[in-house]
N, C-alpha and C. Protein backbone atom coordinates (compact mmCIF):
# COMPACT_ATOMS: atom_id res chain seq x y z
N UNK A 1 190.96 133.05 173.04
CA UNK A 1 190.28 132.10 172.16
C UNK A 1 190.27 132.64 170.75
N UNK A 2 190.36 131.79 169.76
CA UNK A 2 190.35 132.21 168.36
C UNK A 2 189.41 131.32 167.56
N UNK A 3 188.76 131.91 166.59
CA UNK A 3 187.89 131.16 165.69
C UNK A 3 188.52 131.12 164.32
N UNK A 4 188.59 129.94 163.72
CA UNK A 4 189.16 129.79 162.39
C UNK A 4 188.09 129.37 161.41
N UNK A 5 188.08 130.02 160.28
CA UNK A 5 187.12 129.68 159.24
C UNK A 5 187.89 129.20 158.02
N UNK A 6 187.78 127.92 157.67
CA UNK A 6 188.53 127.39 156.53
C UNK A 6 188.08 128.02 155.22
N UNK A 7 188.95 128.08 154.24
CA UNK A 7 188.58 128.66 152.95
C UNK A 7 187.56 127.79 152.23
N UNK A 8 186.75 128.40 151.41
CA UNK A 8 185.75 127.65 150.64
C UNK A 8 186.44 126.75 149.62
N UNK A 9 185.78 125.65 149.32
CA UNK A 9 186.31 124.71 148.34
C UNK A 9 186.01 125.24 146.94
N UNK A 10 186.90 126.09 146.45
CA UNK A 10 186.66 126.74 145.15
C UNK A 10 186.62 125.74 144.01
N UNK A 11 187.43 124.68 144.11
CA UNK A 11 187.46 123.70 143.02
C UNK A 11 186.11 123.03 142.86
N UNK A 12 185.46 122.72 144.00
CA UNK A 12 184.16 122.08 143.94
C UNK A 12 183.11 123.04 143.37
N UNK A 13 183.22 124.29 143.76
CA UNK A 13 182.28 125.27 143.24
C UNK A 13 182.42 125.43 141.73
N UNK A 14 183.65 125.39 141.25
CA UNK A 14 183.89 125.54 139.81
C UNK A 14 183.27 124.38 139.03
N UNK A 15 183.20 123.21 139.64
CA UNK A 15 182.62 122.07 138.95
C UNK A 15 181.10 122.19 138.83
N UNK A 16 180.50 122.98 139.73
CA UNK A 16 179.04 123.09 139.71
C UNK A 16 178.54 124.27 138.89
N UNK A 17 179.40 125.23 138.65
CA UNK A 17 179.01 126.40 137.85
C UNK A 17 179.76 126.41 136.53
N UNK A 18 179.13 126.98 135.50
CA UNK A 18 179.83 127.18 134.23
C UNK A 18 180.91 128.24 134.43
N UNK A 19 181.97 128.12 133.69
CA UNK A 19 183.08 129.06 133.83
C UNK A 19 182.63 130.50 133.61
N UNK A 20 181.69 130.69 132.69
CA UNK A 20 181.23 132.05 132.39
C UNK A 20 180.42 132.65 133.54
N UNK A 21 179.87 131.76 134.41
CA UNK A 21 179.08 132.24 135.53
C UNK A 21 179.90 132.44 136.80
N UNK A 22 181.17 132.05 136.74
CA UNK A 22 182.01 132.10 137.94
C UNK A 22 182.28 133.55 138.36
N UNK A 23 181.88 133.94 139.57
CA UNK A 23 182.08 135.33 139.99
C UNK A 23 183.54 135.65 140.24
N UNK A 24 183.88 136.88 140.06
CA UNK A 24 185.26 137.31 140.28
C UNK A 24 185.40 137.82 141.71
N UNK A 25 185.87 136.95 142.60
CA UNK A 25 186.11 137.36 143.98
C UNK A 25 187.12 136.44 144.62
N UNK A 26 187.60 136.82 145.79
CA UNK A 26 188.59 136.03 146.50
C UNK A 26 188.02 135.57 147.83
N UNK A 27 188.52 134.43 148.27
CA UNK A 27 188.12 133.87 149.55
C UNK A 27 189.26 134.08 150.54
N UNK A 28 188.95 134.65 151.69
CA UNK A 28 189.97 134.95 152.69
C UNK A 28 189.76 134.11 153.94
N UNK A 29 190.84 133.83 154.62
CA UNK A 29 190.78 133.12 155.89
C UNK A 29 191.32 134.04 156.96
N UNK A 30 190.58 134.17 158.06
CA UNK A 30 191.01 135.08 159.11
C UNK A 30 190.96 134.47 160.49
N UNK A 31 191.66 135.08 161.44
CA UNK A 31 191.65 134.63 162.83
C UNK A 31 191.35 135.84 163.71
N UNK A 32 190.41 135.68 164.62
CA UNK A 32 189.99 136.77 165.47
C UNK A 32 190.09 136.35 166.93
N UNK A 33 190.83 137.12 167.72
CA UNK A 33 190.95 136.85 169.15
C UNK A 33 189.72 137.42 169.85
N UNK A 34 189.01 136.59 170.61
CA UNK A 34 187.73 137.00 171.19
C UNK A 34 187.78 137.28 172.69
N UNK A 35 188.82 136.84 173.38
CA UNK A 35 188.84 137.03 174.82
C UNK A 35 187.81 136.15 175.50
N UNK A 36 187.41 136.51 176.73
CA UNK A 36 186.41 135.72 177.46
C UNK A 36 185.03 136.01 176.89
N UNK A 37 184.32 134.98 176.52
CA UNK A 37 183.03 135.14 175.84
C UNK A 37 182.00 135.86 176.71
N UNK A 38 181.86 135.42 177.96
CA UNK A 38 180.87 136.03 178.84
C UNK A 38 181.49 137.04 179.81
N UNK A 39 182.81 137.16 179.80
CA UNK A 39 183.45 138.06 180.75
C UNK A 39 183.37 137.50 182.15
N UNK A 40 183.43 138.38 183.14
CA UNK A 40 183.37 137.93 184.52
C UNK A 40 184.66 137.25 184.94
N UNK A 41 184.66 136.65 186.11
CA UNK A 41 185.84 135.95 186.61
C UNK A 41 185.40 134.76 187.43
N UNK A 42 186.36 133.91 187.79
CA UNK A 42 186.04 132.71 188.54
C UNK A 42 185.43 133.04 189.90
N UNK A 43 185.80 134.18 190.47
CA UNK A 43 185.34 134.54 191.81
C UNK A 43 184.09 135.42 191.80
N UNK A 44 183.73 135.98 190.65
CA UNK A 44 182.62 136.92 190.59
C UNK A 44 181.44 136.34 189.85
N UNK A 45 181.64 135.88 188.64
CA UNK A 45 180.55 135.33 187.85
C UNK A 45 179.82 136.40 187.07
N UNK A 46 178.72 136.03 186.43
CA UNK A 46 177.99 136.93 185.55
C UNK A 46 176.53 137.05 185.98
N UNK A 47 175.93 138.18 185.62
CA UNK A 47 174.54 138.44 185.93
C UNK A 47 173.67 138.04 184.73
N UNK A 48 172.68 137.21 184.97
CA UNK A 48 171.86 136.69 183.88
C UNK A 48 170.38 136.86 184.19
N UNK A 49 169.54 136.58 183.21
CA UNK A 49 168.10 136.66 183.40
C UNK A 49 167.44 135.45 182.75
N UNK A 50 166.21 135.20 183.13
CA UNK A 50 165.41 134.19 182.45
C UNK A 50 164.73 134.88 181.27
N UNK A 51 164.95 134.36 180.08
CA UNK A 51 164.46 135.01 178.87
C UNK A 51 162.96 134.80 178.67
N UNK A 52 162.34 135.77 178.00
CA UNK A 52 160.93 135.60 177.62
C UNK A 52 160.81 134.72 176.38
N UNK A 53 161.93 134.49 175.69
CA UNK A 53 161.94 133.59 174.54
C UNK A 53 162.19 132.17 175.02
N UNK A 54 161.42 131.22 174.55
CA UNK A 54 161.62 129.82 174.92
C UNK A 54 162.43 129.11 173.85
N UNK A 55 163.02 127.99 174.24
CA UNK A 55 163.72 127.16 173.27
C UNK A 55 162.71 126.50 172.33
N UNK A 56 163.19 126.12 171.18
CA UNK A 56 162.34 125.52 170.16
C UNK A 56 161.77 124.18 170.63
N UNK A 57 160.51 123.94 170.31
CA UNK A 57 159.89 122.66 170.65
C UNK A 57 160.55 121.53 169.86
N UNK A 58 160.63 120.34 170.42
CA UNK A 58 161.31 119.22 169.75
C UNK A 58 160.75 118.89 168.37
N UNK A 59 159.46 119.18 168.15
CA UNK A 59 158.86 118.83 166.86
C UNK A 59 158.84 120.00 165.87
N UNK A 60 159.66 121.03 166.14
CA UNK A 60 159.77 122.15 165.20
C UNK A 60 161.10 122.09 164.45
N UNK A 61 162.18 122.25 165.19
CA UNK A 61 163.53 122.13 164.63
C UNK A 61 164.37 121.28 165.57
N UNK A 62 165.35 120.54 165.07
CA UNK A 62 166.16 119.67 165.93
C UNK A 62 167.12 120.49 166.79
N UNK A 63 166.78 120.67 168.06
CA UNK A 63 167.61 121.49 168.95
C UNK A 63 168.97 120.86 169.24
N UNK A 64 169.10 119.55 169.02
CA UNK A 64 170.37 118.89 169.27
C UNK A 64 171.36 119.07 168.13
N UNK A 65 170.94 119.76 167.07
CA UNK A 65 171.81 120.00 165.93
C UNK A 65 172.30 121.44 165.94
N UNK A 66 173.57 121.64 165.62
CA UNK A 66 174.10 123.00 165.50
C UNK A 66 173.79 123.50 164.10
N UNK A 67 172.51 123.68 163.83
CA UNK A 67 172.05 124.12 162.52
C UNK A 67 171.92 125.63 162.50
N UNK A 68 172.17 126.21 161.33
CA UNK A 68 172.14 127.66 161.21
C UNK A 68 170.81 128.27 161.62
N UNK A 69 169.72 127.59 161.29
CA UNK A 69 168.39 128.13 161.62
C UNK A 69 168.17 128.23 163.12
N UNK A 70 168.82 127.38 163.90
CA UNK A 70 168.63 127.39 165.34
C UNK A 70 169.26 128.62 166.00
N UNK A 71 170.21 129.25 165.33
CA UNK A 71 170.91 130.37 165.93
C UNK A 71 170.02 131.60 166.07
N UNK A 72 168.98 131.73 165.28
CA UNK A 72 168.08 132.87 165.42
C UNK A 72 167.45 132.90 166.81
N UNK A 73 167.05 131.73 167.30
CA UNK A 73 166.47 131.64 168.64
C UNK A 73 167.48 132.10 169.69
N UNK A 74 168.73 131.66 169.54
CA UNK A 74 169.79 132.05 170.47
C UNK A 74 170.05 133.55 170.41
N UNK A 75 170.03 134.12 169.21
CA UNK A 75 170.28 135.55 169.07
C UNK A 75 169.20 136.37 169.76
N UNK A 76 167.95 135.94 169.67
CA UNK A 76 166.87 136.66 170.33
C UNK A 76 167.03 136.62 171.85
N UNK A 77 167.42 135.47 172.37
CA UNK A 77 167.64 135.32 173.82
C UNK A 77 168.78 136.22 174.27
N UNK A 78 169.87 136.21 173.53
CA UNK A 78 171.05 137.01 173.88
C UNK A 78 170.75 138.51 173.78
N UNK A 79 170.13 138.94 172.71
CA UNK A 79 169.86 140.36 172.51
C UNK A 79 168.93 140.91 173.60
N UNK A 80 167.90 140.15 173.95
CA UNK A 80 167.00 140.59 175.00
C UNK A 80 167.74 140.78 176.31
N UNK A 81 168.62 139.82 176.64
CA UNK A 81 169.38 139.91 177.89
C UNK A 81 170.28 141.13 177.91
N UNK A 82 171.02 141.34 176.85
CA UNK A 82 171.96 142.46 176.79
C UNK A 82 171.23 143.80 176.84
N UNK A 83 170.12 143.92 176.12
CA UNK A 83 169.35 145.17 176.11
C UNK A 83 168.79 145.50 177.49
N UNK A 84 168.57 144.48 178.31
CA UNK A 84 168.05 144.69 179.66
C UNK A 84 169.14 144.75 180.72
N UNK A 85 170.40 144.81 180.28
CA UNK A 85 171.51 144.99 181.21
C UNK A 85 172.11 143.73 181.79
N UNK A 86 171.81 142.59 181.19
CA UNK A 86 172.39 141.32 181.66
C UNK A 86 173.44 140.84 180.68
N UNK A 87 174.25 139.91 181.13
CA UNK A 87 175.29 139.34 180.27
C UNK A 87 174.73 138.24 179.39
N UNK A 88 173.80 137.46 179.92
CA UNK A 88 173.28 136.30 179.21
C UNK A 88 171.85 136.02 179.64
N UNK A 89 171.13 135.29 178.80
CA UNK A 89 169.78 134.88 179.12
C UNK A 89 169.68 133.37 179.24
N UNK A 90 168.80 132.91 180.11
CA UNK A 90 168.53 131.48 180.27
C UNK A 90 167.16 131.20 179.69
N UNK A 91 167.09 130.26 178.78
CA UNK A 91 165.82 129.93 178.13
C UNK A 91 165.14 128.77 178.84
N UNK A 92 163.82 128.81 178.86
CA UNK A 92 163.02 127.68 179.31
C UNK A 92 162.55 126.89 178.10
N UNK A 93 162.15 125.65 178.30
CA UNK A 93 161.60 124.89 177.19
C UNK A 93 160.10 125.17 177.07
N UNK A 94 159.44 124.52 176.14
CA UNK A 94 158.02 124.80 175.89
C UNK A 94 157.13 124.41 177.07
N UNK A 95 157.64 123.59 177.99
CA UNK A 95 156.87 123.19 179.16
C UNK A 95 157.20 124.01 180.39
N UNK A 96 158.08 125.02 180.23
CA UNK A 96 158.41 125.89 181.35
C UNK A 96 159.56 125.44 182.20
N UNK A 97 160.25 124.37 181.81
CA UNK A 97 161.42 123.91 182.56
C UNK A 97 162.69 124.54 182.01
N UNK A 98 163.71 124.63 182.85
CA UNK A 98 164.97 125.24 182.46
C UNK A 98 165.59 124.44 181.32
N UNK A 99 166.05 125.15 180.29
CA UNK A 99 166.69 124.49 179.15
C UNK A 99 168.20 124.76 179.14
N UNK A 100 168.60 125.96 178.73
CA UNK A 100 170.01 126.31 178.64
C UNK A 100 170.15 127.80 178.37
N UNK A 101 171.40 128.28 178.31
CA UNK A 101 171.66 129.65 177.92
C UNK A 101 171.59 129.77 176.41
N UNK A 102 171.80 130.98 175.90
CA UNK A 102 171.72 131.16 174.45
C UNK A 102 172.81 130.39 173.73
N UNK A 103 173.94 130.19 174.40
CA UNK A 103 175.03 129.43 173.78
C UNK A 103 175.77 128.56 174.76
N UNK A 104 175.12 128.20 175.86
CA UNK A 104 175.78 127.42 176.90
C UNK A 104 174.81 126.44 177.55
N UNK A 105 175.34 125.37 178.07
CA UNK A 105 174.57 124.49 178.94
C UNK A 105 174.65 125.03 180.36
N UNK A 106 173.80 124.54 181.21
CA UNK A 106 173.75 125.08 182.58
C UNK A 106 173.73 123.95 183.60
N UNK A 107 174.42 124.18 184.71
CA UNK A 107 174.43 123.27 185.86
C UNK A 107 174.07 124.07 187.11
N UNK A 108 173.35 123.46 188.03
CA UNK A 108 173.10 124.07 189.33
C UNK A 108 173.42 123.04 190.41
N UNK A 109 173.71 123.53 191.60
CA UNK A 109 174.01 122.65 192.73
C UNK A 109 172.84 122.71 193.69
N UNK A 110 172.29 121.57 194.01
CA UNK A 110 171.16 121.50 194.94
C UNK A 110 171.35 120.30 195.86
N UNK A 111 171.33 120.58 197.16
CA UNK A 111 171.48 119.53 198.17
C UNK A 111 172.73 118.68 197.91
N UNK A 112 173.83 119.35 197.57
CA UNK A 112 175.08 118.64 197.36
C UNK A 112 175.16 117.84 196.09
N UNK A 113 174.24 118.07 195.16
CA UNK A 113 174.22 117.31 193.90
C UNK A 113 174.21 118.28 192.72
N UNK A 114 174.94 117.91 191.67
CA UNK A 114 174.92 118.69 190.45
C UNK A 114 173.68 118.32 189.63
N UNK A 115 172.95 119.31 189.16
CA UNK A 115 171.79 119.10 188.32
C UNK A 115 172.00 119.77 186.97
N UNK A 116 171.58 119.12 185.92
CA UNK A 116 171.63 119.72 184.59
C UNK A 116 170.41 119.23 183.80
N UNK A 117 169.81 120.11 182.99
CA UNK A 117 168.63 119.69 182.24
C UNK A 117 168.95 118.55 181.27
N UNK A 118 168.02 117.63 181.06
CA UNK A 118 168.23 116.52 180.12
C UNK A 118 168.11 117.01 178.68
N UNK A 119 168.56 116.21 177.74
CA UNK A 119 168.52 116.59 176.33
C UNK A 119 167.09 116.79 175.85
N UNK A 120 166.13 116.13 176.48
CA UNK A 120 164.74 116.27 176.09
C UNK A 120 164.16 117.65 176.35
N UNK A 121 164.88 118.49 177.11
CA UNK A 121 164.43 119.85 177.39
C UNK A 121 164.97 120.82 176.35
N UNK A 122 165.05 120.36 175.10
CA UNK A 122 165.57 121.19 173.99
C UNK A 122 166.98 121.68 174.29
N UNK A 123 167.82 120.76 174.71
CA UNK A 123 169.20 121.08 175.09
C UNK A 123 170.17 120.55 174.05
N UNK A 124 171.17 121.35 173.72
CA UNK A 124 172.25 120.89 172.85
C UNK A 124 173.20 120.02 173.67
N UNK A 125 173.58 118.89 173.12
CA UNK A 125 174.52 118.00 173.82
C UNK A 125 175.93 118.55 173.68
N UNK A 126 176.27 119.50 174.56
CA UNK A 126 177.55 120.20 174.47
C UNK A 126 178.75 119.34 174.84
N UNK A 127 179.87 119.64 174.22
CA UNK A 127 181.11 118.92 174.51
C UNK A 127 181.56 119.20 175.94
N UNK A 128 181.51 120.47 176.35
CA UNK A 128 181.94 120.83 177.70
C UNK A 128 180.97 120.26 178.74
N UNK A 129 179.71 120.23 178.40
CA UNK A 129 178.71 119.61 179.29
C UNK A 129 179.07 118.15 179.51
N UNK A 130 179.41 117.46 178.45
CA UNK A 130 179.78 116.05 178.55
C UNK A 130 181.05 115.88 179.37
N UNK A 131 182.01 116.81 179.21
CA UNK A 131 183.27 116.73 179.96
C UNK A 131 183.02 116.89 181.46
N UNK A 132 182.19 117.85 181.84
CA UNK A 132 181.87 118.05 183.25
C UNK A 132 181.18 116.81 183.81
N UNK A 133 180.28 116.23 183.03
CA UNK A 133 179.58 115.03 183.47
C UNK A 133 180.54 113.88 183.71
N UNK A 134 181.47 113.69 182.78
CA UNK A 134 182.43 112.59 182.89
C UNK A 134 183.37 112.76 184.08
N UNK A 135 183.87 113.99 184.27
CA UNK A 135 184.78 114.24 185.39
C UNK A 135 184.06 114.08 186.71
N UNK A 136 182.81 114.55 186.77
CA UNK A 136 182.03 114.40 188.00
C UNK A 136 181.85 112.92 188.35
N UNK A 137 181.60 112.10 187.34
CA UNK A 137 181.45 110.67 187.58
C UNK A 137 182.76 110.05 188.04
N UNK A 138 183.86 110.48 187.44
CA UNK A 138 185.17 109.95 187.83
C UNK A 138 185.51 110.28 189.28
N UNK A 139 185.03 111.43 189.77
CA UNK A 139 185.32 111.85 191.13
C UNK A 139 184.19 111.51 192.11
N UNK A 140 183.25 110.67 191.65
CA UNK A 140 182.14 110.21 192.50
C UNK A 140 181.29 111.37 193.00
N UNK A 141 181.14 112.38 192.17
CA UNK A 141 180.26 113.50 192.49
C UNK A 141 178.88 113.17 191.96
N UNK A 142 177.88 113.27 192.80
CA UNK A 142 176.52 112.93 192.40
C UNK A 142 176.01 113.93 191.36
N UNK A 143 175.48 113.41 190.29
CA UNK A 143 174.99 114.26 189.21
C UNK A 143 173.69 113.69 188.68
N UNK A 144 172.73 114.56 188.45
CA UNK A 144 171.43 114.13 187.95
C UNK A 144 171.05 114.98 186.75
N UNK A 145 170.64 114.31 185.67
CA UNK A 145 170.15 115.00 184.48
C UNK A 145 168.63 114.87 184.49
N UNK A 146 167.97 115.92 184.96
CA UNK A 146 166.51 115.87 185.06
C UNK A 146 165.94 117.28 184.94
N UNK A 147 164.67 117.36 184.67
CA UNK A 147 163.99 118.64 184.51
C UNK A 147 163.85 119.33 185.87
N UNK A 148 163.99 120.66 185.86
CA UNK A 148 163.73 121.44 187.07
C UNK A 148 163.20 122.81 186.67
N UNK A 149 162.35 123.44 187.51
CA UNK A 149 161.71 124.71 187.18
C UNK A 149 162.65 125.89 187.36
N UNK A 150 162.23 127.05 186.87
CA UNK A 150 163.06 128.25 186.96
C UNK A 150 163.32 128.67 188.40
N UNK A 151 162.42 128.30 189.31
CA UNK A 151 162.63 128.68 190.71
C UNK A 151 163.88 128.03 191.29
N UNK A 152 164.33 126.94 190.69
CA UNK A 152 165.56 126.28 191.16
C UNK A 152 166.80 127.09 190.83
N UNK A 153 166.66 128.09 189.97
CA UNK A 153 167.80 128.92 189.60
C UNK A 153 168.11 129.97 190.65
N UNK A 154 167.09 130.40 191.39
CA UNK A 154 167.25 131.49 192.33
C UNK A 154 167.88 131.02 193.64
N UNK A 155 168.90 131.75 194.04
CA UNK A 155 169.62 131.47 195.29
C UNK A 155 170.34 130.12 195.26
N UNK A 156 170.46 129.53 194.08
CA UNK A 156 171.23 128.30 193.95
C UNK A 156 172.62 128.64 193.41
N UNK A 157 173.54 127.75 193.61
CA UNK A 157 174.85 127.89 193.00
C UNK A 157 174.79 127.26 191.61
N UNK A 158 175.32 127.93 190.63
CA UNK A 158 175.23 127.41 189.28
C UNK A 158 176.30 127.96 188.37
N UNK A 159 176.44 127.35 187.21
CA UNK A 159 177.43 127.82 186.25
C UNK A 159 177.05 127.37 184.85
N UNK A 160 177.55 128.12 183.87
CA UNK A 160 177.41 127.81 182.46
C UNK A 160 178.59 126.97 182.00
N UNK A 161 178.37 126.13 180.99
CA UNK A 161 179.48 125.44 180.33
C UNK A 161 179.31 125.57 178.83
N UNK A 162 180.43 125.69 178.13
CA UNK A 162 180.38 125.80 176.68
C UNK A 162 181.77 125.95 176.10
N UNK A 163 181.91 125.71 174.81
CA UNK A 163 183.21 125.84 174.16
C UNK A 163 183.74 127.25 174.28
N UNK A 164 182.89 128.23 174.06
CA UNK A 164 183.30 129.63 174.18
C UNK A 164 183.24 130.11 175.62
N UNK A 165 182.19 129.74 176.33
CA UNK A 165 182.01 130.19 177.72
C UNK A 165 182.93 129.46 178.69
N UNK A 166 183.47 128.29 178.27
CA UNK A 166 184.25 127.43 179.16
C UNK A 166 183.38 127.09 180.38
N UNK A 167 183.83 127.45 181.58
CA UNK A 167 183.00 127.26 182.78
C UNK A 167 182.89 128.62 183.45
N UNK A 168 181.69 129.20 183.43
CA UNK A 168 181.48 130.54 183.95
C UNK A 168 180.44 130.51 185.06
N UNK A 169 180.80 130.91 186.28
CA UNK A 169 179.82 130.91 187.37
C UNK A 169 178.75 131.96 187.17
N UNK A 170 177.58 131.70 187.68
CA UNK A 170 176.44 132.62 187.61
C UNK A 170 176.35 133.37 188.94
N UNK A 171 176.43 134.70 188.86
CA UNK A 171 176.39 135.52 190.06
C UNK A 171 174.96 135.82 190.50
N UNK A 172 174.09 136.11 189.54
CA UNK A 172 172.72 136.43 189.89
C UNK A 172 171.79 136.03 188.75
N UNK A 173 170.54 135.76 189.09
CA UNK A 173 169.50 135.45 188.11
C UNK A 173 168.33 136.40 188.36
N UNK A 174 168.00 137.22 187.35
CA UNK A 174 166.93 138.21 187.50
C UNK A 174 167.16 139.08 188.73
N UNK A 175 168.43 139.48 188.92
CA UNK A 175 168.85 140.35 190.02
C UNK A 175 168.76 139.69 191.39
N UNK A 176 168.45 138.41 191.42
CA UNK A 176 168.46 137.66 192.67
C UNK A 176 169.83 137.02 192.82
N UNK A 177 170.57 137.45 193.82
CA UNK A 177 171.95 137.01 193.97
C UNK A 177 172.02 135.53 194.30
N UNK A 178 172.89 134.83 193.60
CA UNK A 178 173.03 133.39 193.80
C UNK A 178 173.97 133.11 194.97
N UNK A 179 173.93 131.89 195.44
CA UNK A 179 174.83 131.48 196.52
C UNK A 179 176.27 131.52 196.07
N UNK A 180 176.51 131.36 194.76
CA UNK A 180 177.88 131.43 194.25
C UNK A 180 178.48 132.79 194.52
N UNK A 181 177.69 133.86 194.36
CA UNK A 181 178.19 135.20 194.59
C UNK A 181 178.52 135.41 196.07
N UNK A 182 177.72 134.84 196.96
CA UNK A 182 177.99 134.99 198.38
C UNK A 182 179.23 134.23 198.79
N UNK A 183 179.44 133.07 198.18
CA UNK A 183 180.65 132.31 198.49
C UNK A 183 181.88 133.05 198.02
N UNK A 184 181.77 133.72 196.87
CA UNK A 184 182.92 134.38 196.27
C UNK A 184 183.46 135.51 197.14
N UNK A 185 182.65 136.01 198.07
CA UNK A 185 183.11 137.10 198.93
C UNK A 185 184.16 136.62 199.92
N UNK A 186 184.16 135.33 200.20
CA UNK A 186 185.10 134.77 201.16
C UNK A 186 186.27 134.12 200.44
N UNK A 187 187.50 134.64 200.60
CA UNK A 187 188.66 134.05 199.91
C UNK A 187 188.85 132.58 200.24
N UNK A 188 188.46 132.18 201.44
CA UNK A 188 188.66 130.79 201.83
C UNK A 188 187.73 129.86 201.06
N UNK A 189 186.62 130.40 200.54
CA UNK A 189 185.64 129.56 199.85
C UNK A 189 185.54 129.88 198.37
N UNK A 190 186.43 130.69 197.84
CA UNK A 190 186.39 131.02 196.43
C UNK A 190 186.94 129.87 195.61
N UNK A 191 186.76 129.95 194.31
CA UNK A 191 187.23 128.87 193.43
C UNK A 191 188.74 128.73 193.49
N UNK A 192 189.44 129.82 193.79
CA UNK A 192 190.91 129.77 193.81
C UNK A 192 191.44 129.04 195.04
N UNK A 193 190.59 128.82 196.03
CA UNK A 193 191.06 128.25 197.28
C UNK A 193 190.85 126.74 197.38
N UNK A 194 190.38 126.11 196.34
CA UNK A 194 190.13 124.67 196.41
C UNK A 194 191.44 123.90 196.40
N UNK A 195 191.38 122.65 196.74
CA UNK A 195 192.57 121.85 196.90
C UNK A 195 193.32 121.68 195.59
N UNK A 196 194.63 121.49 195.70
CA UNK A 196 195.47 121.37 194.51
C UNK A 196 195.09 120.16 193.68
N UNK A 197 194.69 119.09 194.33
CA UNK A 197 194.32 117.89 193.58
C UNK A 197 193.06 118.11 192.75
N UNK A 198 192.11 118.83 193.32
CA UNK A 198 190.89 119.11 192.59
C UNK A 198 191.16 120.05 191.42
N UNK A 199 192.02 121.03 191.63
CA UNK A 199 192.39 121.96 190.57
C UNK A 199 193.06 121.22 189.43
N UNK A 200 193.89 120.25 189.79
CA UNK A 200 194.60 119.49 188.75
C UNK A 200 193.65 118.58 187.99
N UNK A 201 192.58 118.14 188.67
CA UNK A 201 191.65 117.22 188.03
C UNK A 201 190.88 117.89 186.91
N UNK A 202 190.31 119.05 187.19
CA UNK A 202 189.49 119.71 186.18
C UNK A 202 189.01 121.04 186.68
N UNK A 203 189.01 122.04 185.81
CA UNK A 203 188.50 123.35 186.19
C UNK A 203 187.01 123.31 186.51
N UNK A 204 186.19 122.54 185.78
CA UNK A 204 184.78 122.45 186.18
C UNK A 204 184.59 121.97 187.60
N UNK A 205 185.41 121.01 188.03
CA UNK A 205 185.28 120.50 189.38
C UNK A 205 185.85 121.47 190.39
N UNK A 206 186.77 122.34 189.94
CA UNK A 206 187.26 123.42 190.77
C UNK A 206 186.08 124.31 191.17
N UNK A 207 185.23 124.58 190.21
CA UNK A 207 184.06 125.39 190.45
C UNK A 207 183.04 124.63 191.29
N UNK A 208 182.88 123.35 191.02
CA UNK A 208 181.93 122.54 191.78
C UNK A 208 182.32 122.52 193.26
N UNK A 209 183.63 122.51 193.51
CA UNK A 209 184.12 122.54 194.89
C UNK A 209 183.68 123.83 195.57
N UNK A 210 183.85 124.94 194.83
CA UNK A 210 183.46 126.23 195.38
C UNK A 210 181.95 126.28 195.58
N UNK A 211 181.20 125.70 194.67
CA UNK A 211 179.75 125.70 194.75
C UNK A 211 179.25 124.94 195.97
N UNK A 212 180.05 124.00 196.42
CA UNK A 212 179.61 123.18 197.56
C UNK A 212 179.92 123.84 198.89
N UNK A 213 180.51 125.04 198.84
CA UNK A 213 180.82 125.75 200.08
C UNK A 213 182.11 125.29 200.71
N UNK A 214 183.01 124.75 199.89
CA UNK A 214 184.31 124.34 200.39
C UNK A 214 184.37 122.89 200.77
N UNK A 215 183.30 122.14 200.48
CA UNK A 215 183.28 120.72 200.76
C UNK A 215 183.01 119.96 199.47
N UNK A 216 183.40 118.74 199.43
CA UNK A 216 183.23 117.94 198.23
C UNK A 216 181.76 117.79 197.89
N UNK A 217 181.41 118.07 196.64
CA UNK A 217 180.02 117.92 196.20
C UNK A 217 179.66 116.44 196.25
N UNK A 218 178.54 116.15 196.83
CA UNK A 218 178.07 114.77 196.89
C UNK A 218 178.49 114.05 198.14
N UNK A 219 179.25 114.75 199.00
CA UNK A 219 179.70 114.11 200.24
C UNK A 219 178.55 114.03 201.24
């Protein structure tokens, strides 16, 4: 994966400043290869924790906006997780319901249905989240966007979605091993063993197949 930062519009800046005030510097454009954002693999997943930091309340800052000020909250969630030996942290909203990761949306599988927190839980409307939702609907996979407590994270199958994270399975939450990790031990039930048609349809659904224990989610 690479991140591109376009050069600043110097011409526009020159129109707003007097020539005598124009600083002497150059603007550079760079490309940085980042690799896998959360690490892990399709068959293993990542170890995460529930953060002590909550997501911003709806009446403080607009959580649905990718605004610079919102990133401080994400940085605190991420730093706490890493300092405690986890790859990522999961934030709750101000009411104690699951919100999202520091930079990812989250899905869990419960009773053969995909669950994801609604936007009202201080959730960013992610592009990858929307893609998983659309593909699930196309394949008649039951999906519900509703609030659920942190206890639903433990021993459930789940995964993160995001532009950088792509689709990353969750191996454990607060050192409690998820069902995804137990499934991954069996080659017959790993993400790599799902049907060719499902693999061709979408990588998120490839994971959903594995999350269901080798059977179609929603069947």
